[in-house]
C-alpha atoms as a PDB file:
ATOM      1  CA  MET A   1       7.481 -18.184  -2.166  1.00  0.00           C
ATOM      2  CA  SER A   2       7.747 -14.399  -2.248  1.00  0.00           C
ATOM      3  CA  VAL A   3       5.129 -11.920  -1.071  1.00  0.00           C
ATOM      4  CA  ARG A   4       4.149  -9.888  -4.140  1.00  0.00           C
ATOM      5  CA  VAL A   5       3.914  -6.195  -3.212  1.00  0.00           C
ATOM      6  CA  LEU A   6       2.359  -3.151  -4.874  1.00  0.00           C
ATOM      7  CA  ILE A   7       3.317   0.324  -3.576  1.00  0.00           C
ATOM      8  CA  VAL A   8       0.758   3.127  -4.071  1.00  0.00           C
ATOM      9  CA  ASP A   9       1.902   6.627  -3.047  1.00  0.00           C
ATOM     10  CA  ASP A  10       1.831   9.932  -4.922  1.00  0.00           C
ATOM     11  CA  ASP A  11       5.111  11.055  -3.320  1.00  0.00           C
ATOM     12  CA  GLU A  12       7.983   9.620  -5.346  1.00  0.00           C
ATOM     13  CA  ARG A  13      10.457  10.165  -2.506  1.00  0.00           C
ATOM     14  CA  GLU A  14       8.279   8.140  -0.127  1.00  0.00           C
ATOM     15  CA  ARG A  15       7.956   5.342  -2.719  1.00  0.00           C
ATOM     16  CA  ILE A  16      11.756   5.255  -3.046  1.00  0.00           C
ATOM     17  CA  VAL A  17      12.223   4.988   0.734  1.00  0.00           C
ATOM     18  CA  LEU A  18       9.579   2.269   1.073  1.00  0.00           C
ATOM     19  CA  ARG A  19      10.952   0.368  -1.926  1.00  0.00           C
ATOM     20  CA  TYR A  20      14.456   0.473  -0.436  1.00  0.00           C
ATOM     21  CA  ILE A  21      13.215  -0.851   2.929  1.00  0.00           C
ATOM     22  CA  LEU A  22      11.155  -3.597   1.304  1.00  0.00           C
ATOM     23  CA  GLU A  23      14.060  -4.657  -0.926  1.00  0.00           C
ATOM     24  CA  GLN A  24      15.975  -5.509   2.256  1.00  0.00           C
ATOM     25  CA  VAL A  25      13.253  -7.919   3.403  1.00  0.00           C
ATOM     26  CA  GLU A  26      13.691 -11.525   2.393  1.00  0.00           C
ATOM     27  CA  ASP A  27      10.831 -13.093   0.411  1.00  0.00           C
ATOM     28  CA  VAL A  28       9.372  -9.751  -0.708  1.00  0.00           C
ATOM     29  CA  LYS A  29       9.073  -8.967  -4.409  1.00  0.00           C
ATOM     30  CA  ILE A  30       7.935  -5.496  -5.490  1.00  0.00           C
ATOM     31  CA  ILE A  31       5.852  -6.101  -8.607  1.00  0.00           C
ATOM     32  CA  ALA A  32       4.697  -2.540  -9.320  1.00  0.00           C
ATOM     33  CA  GLU A  33       4.384   1.037  -8.087  1.00  0.00           C
ATOM     34  CA  ALA A  34       1.582   3.526  -8.649  1.00  0.00           C
ATOM     35  CA  SER A  35       1.502   7.285  -8.129  1.00  0.00           C
ATOM     36  CA  ASN A  36      -2.259   7.532  -7.505  1.00  0.00           C
ATOM     37  CA  GLY A  37      -5.167   5.419  -6.337  1.00  0.00           C
ATOM     38  CA  MET A  38      -6.744   4.810  -9.749  1.00  0.00           C
ATOM     39  CA  GLU A  39      -3.443   3.584 -11.163  1.00  0.00           C
ATOM     40  CA  GLY A  40      -3.086   1.423  -8.044  1.00  0.00           C
ATOM     41  CA  VAL A  41      -6.465  -0.252  -8.592  1.00  0.00           C
ATOM     42  CA  LEU A  42      -5.686  -0.916 -12.262  1.00  0.00           C
ATOM     43  CA  LEU A  43      -2.243  -2.341 -11.462  1.00  0.00           C
ATOM     44  CA  ALA A  44      -3.712  -4.496  -8.695  1.00  0.00           C
ATOM     45  CA  LYS A  45      -6.250  -5.954 -11.151  1.00  0.00           C
ATOM     46  CA  GLU A  46      -3.484  -6.726 -13.620  1.00  0.00           C
ATOM     47  CA  LYS A  47      -0.646  -7.846 -11.330  1.00  0.00           C
ATOM     48  CA  LYS A  48      -2.647  -9.441  -8.465  1.00  0.00           C
ATOM     49  CA  PRO A  49      -0.395  -8.477  -5.536  1.00  0.00           C
ATOM     50  CA  ASP A  50      -0.541 -10.276  -2.199  1.00  0.00           C
ATOM     51  CA  LEU A  51       0.040  -7.036  -0.302  1.00  0.00           C
ATOM     52  CA  VAL A  52      -0.557  -3.357  -1.133  1.00  0.00           C
ATOM     53  CA  PHE A  53       1.090  -0.458   0.715  1.00  0.00           C
ATOM     54  CA  LEU A  54      -1.198   2.590   0.445  1.00  0.00           C
ATOM     55  CA  ASP A  55      -0.822   6.265   1.255  1.00  0.00           C
ATOM     56  CA  ILE A  56      -3.984   8.070   2.441  1.00  0.00           C
ATOM     57  CA  PHE A  57      -3.948  11.355   0.489  1.00  0.00           C
ATOM     58  CA  MET A  58      -3.456  10.846  -3.252  1.00  0.00           C
ATOM     59  CA  PRO A  59      -4.949  12.217  -6.468  1.00  0.00           C
ATOM     60  CA  GLU A  60      -7.648  10.331  -8.402  1.00  0.00           C
ATOM     61  CA  LEU A  61      -8.656   8.082  -5.482  1.00  0.00           C
ATOM     62  CA  SER A  62      -7.606   8.431  -1.854  1.00  0.00           C
ATOM     63  CA  GLY A  63      -5.995   5.482  -0.124  1.00  0.00           C
ATOM     64  CA  LEU A  64      -9.287   4.723   1.622  1.00  0.00           C
ATOM     65  CA  GLU A  65     -11.214   4.816  -1.678  1.00  0.00           C
ATOM     66  CA  THR A  66      -8.529   2.641  -3.250  1.00  0.00           C
ATOM     67  CA  ALA A  67      -8.879   0.144  -0.390  1.00  0.00           C
ATOM     68  CA  ARG A  68     -12.663   0.024  -0.885  1.00  0.00           C
ATOM     69  CA  ASN A  69     -12.078  -0.838  -4.543  1.00  0.00           C
ATOM     70  CA  LEU A  70      -9.500  -3.498  -3.686  1.00  0.00           C
ATOM     71  CA  LYS A  71     -11.881  -5.085  -1.163  1.00  0.00           C
ATOM     72  CA  GLY A  72     -14.291  -5.664  -4.052  1.00  0.00           C
ATOM     73  CA  PHE A  73     -11.850  -7.970  -5.822  1.00  0.00           C
ATOM     74  CA  THR A  74     -12.624 -11.689  -5.879  1.00  0.00           C
ATOM     75  CA  GLU A  75      -9.323 -12.250  -4.063  1.00  0.00           C
ATOM     76  CA  PRO A  76      -8.504  -8.906  -2.425  1.00  0.00           C
ATOM     77  CA  PRO A  77      -4.892  -8.247  -1.434  1.00  0.00           C
ATOM     78  CA  LEU A  78      -3.867  -7.512   2.123  1.00  0.00           C
ATOM     79  CA  MET A  79      -3.464  -3.779   2.713  1.00  0.00           C
ATOM     80  CA  VAL A  80      -1.072  -1.742   4.838  1.00  0.00           C
ATOM     81  CA  PHE A  81      -1.593   2.011   5.068  1.00  0.00           C
ATOM     82  CA  VAL A  82       1.574   4.105   5.201  1.00  0.00           C
ATOM     83  CA  THR A  83       0.757   7.752   5.862  1.00  0.00           C
ATOM     84  CA  MET A  84       1.520  10.903   7.833  1.00  0.00           C
ATOM     85  CA  HIS A  85      -2.094  11.066   9.068  1.00  0.00           C
ATOM     86  CA  SER A  86      -2.789   8.994  12.171  1.00  0.00           C
ATOM     87  CA  GLU A  87      -6.426  10.128  12.374  1.00  0.00           C
ATOM     88  CA  TYR A  88      -7.595   7.727   9.626  1.00  0.00           C
ATOM     89  CA  ALA A  89      -6.449   4.520  11.342  1.00  0.00           C
ATOM     90  CA  ALA A  90      -9.903   3.534  12.623  1.00  0.00           C
ATOM     91  CA  GLU A  91     -11.424   3.877   9.164  1.00  0.00           C
ATOM     92  CA  ALA A  92      -8.538   1.925   7.626  1.00  0.00           C
ATOM     93  CA  PHE A  93      -9.032  -0.953  10.056  1.00  0.00           C
ATOM     94  CA  LYS A  94     -12.755  -0.990   9.211  1.00  0.00           C
ATOM     95  CA  LEU A  95     -11.563  -1.759   5.670  1.00  0.00           C
ATOM     96  CA  ASP A  96      -9.628  -4.757   7.039  1.00  0.00           C
ATOM     97  CA  ALA A  97      -6.206  -3.103   6.929  1.00  0.00           C
ATOM     98  CA  LEU A  98      -3.450  -5.451   8.038  1.00  0.00           C
ATOM     99  CA  ASP A  99      -1.545  -2.517   9.540  1.00  0.00           C
ATOM    100  CA  TYR A 100      -1.415   1.282   9.705  1.00  0.00           C
ATOM    101  CA  ILE A 101       2.066   2.802   9.758  1.00  0.00           C
ATOM    102  CA  VAL A 102       2.606   6.494  10.426  1.00  0.00           C
ATOM    103  CA  LYS A 103       5.512   8.121   8.583  1.00  0.00           C
ATOM    104  CA  PRO A 104       8.448   8.611   8.891  1.00  0.00           C
ATOM    105  CA  LEU A 105       9.100   5.021   7.913  1.00  0.00           C
ATOM    106  CA  GLU A 106      11.209   2.842  10.149  1.00  0.00           C
ATOM    107  CA  PRO A 107      12.671  -0.345   8.655  1.00  0.00           C
ATOM    108  CA  GLY A 108      11.879  -2.420  11.751  1.00  0.00           C
ATOM    109  CA  ARG A 109       8.228  -1.375  11.665  1.00  0.00           C
ATOM    110  CA  ILE A 110       7.902  -2.204   7.967  1.00  0.00           C
ATOM    111  CA  ARG A 111       9.394  -5.664   8.431  1.00  0.00           C
END
């Protein structure tokens, strides 16, 4: 059974890098990508991912606001923050983040 993943990041280049890394991981299926938090919440409602990779700073809703919305789901997905801003880790973990990865992305860390 594959882990169904949603990527939410406003930086297309960062989404491409993360997608490439995740495509190399066995049993991971990328089901959708969003370029902002609001789109991420809507896609998560529709696609029901197991795991969401979230950036912190995005238009519409920040990654933290997006996570708060996702936590309200009947079956919330697991969340991993992927960002350049290490100072939000404590707040992310208060939202039950599975992990907090500081960019630049390293394939071993993502796996």
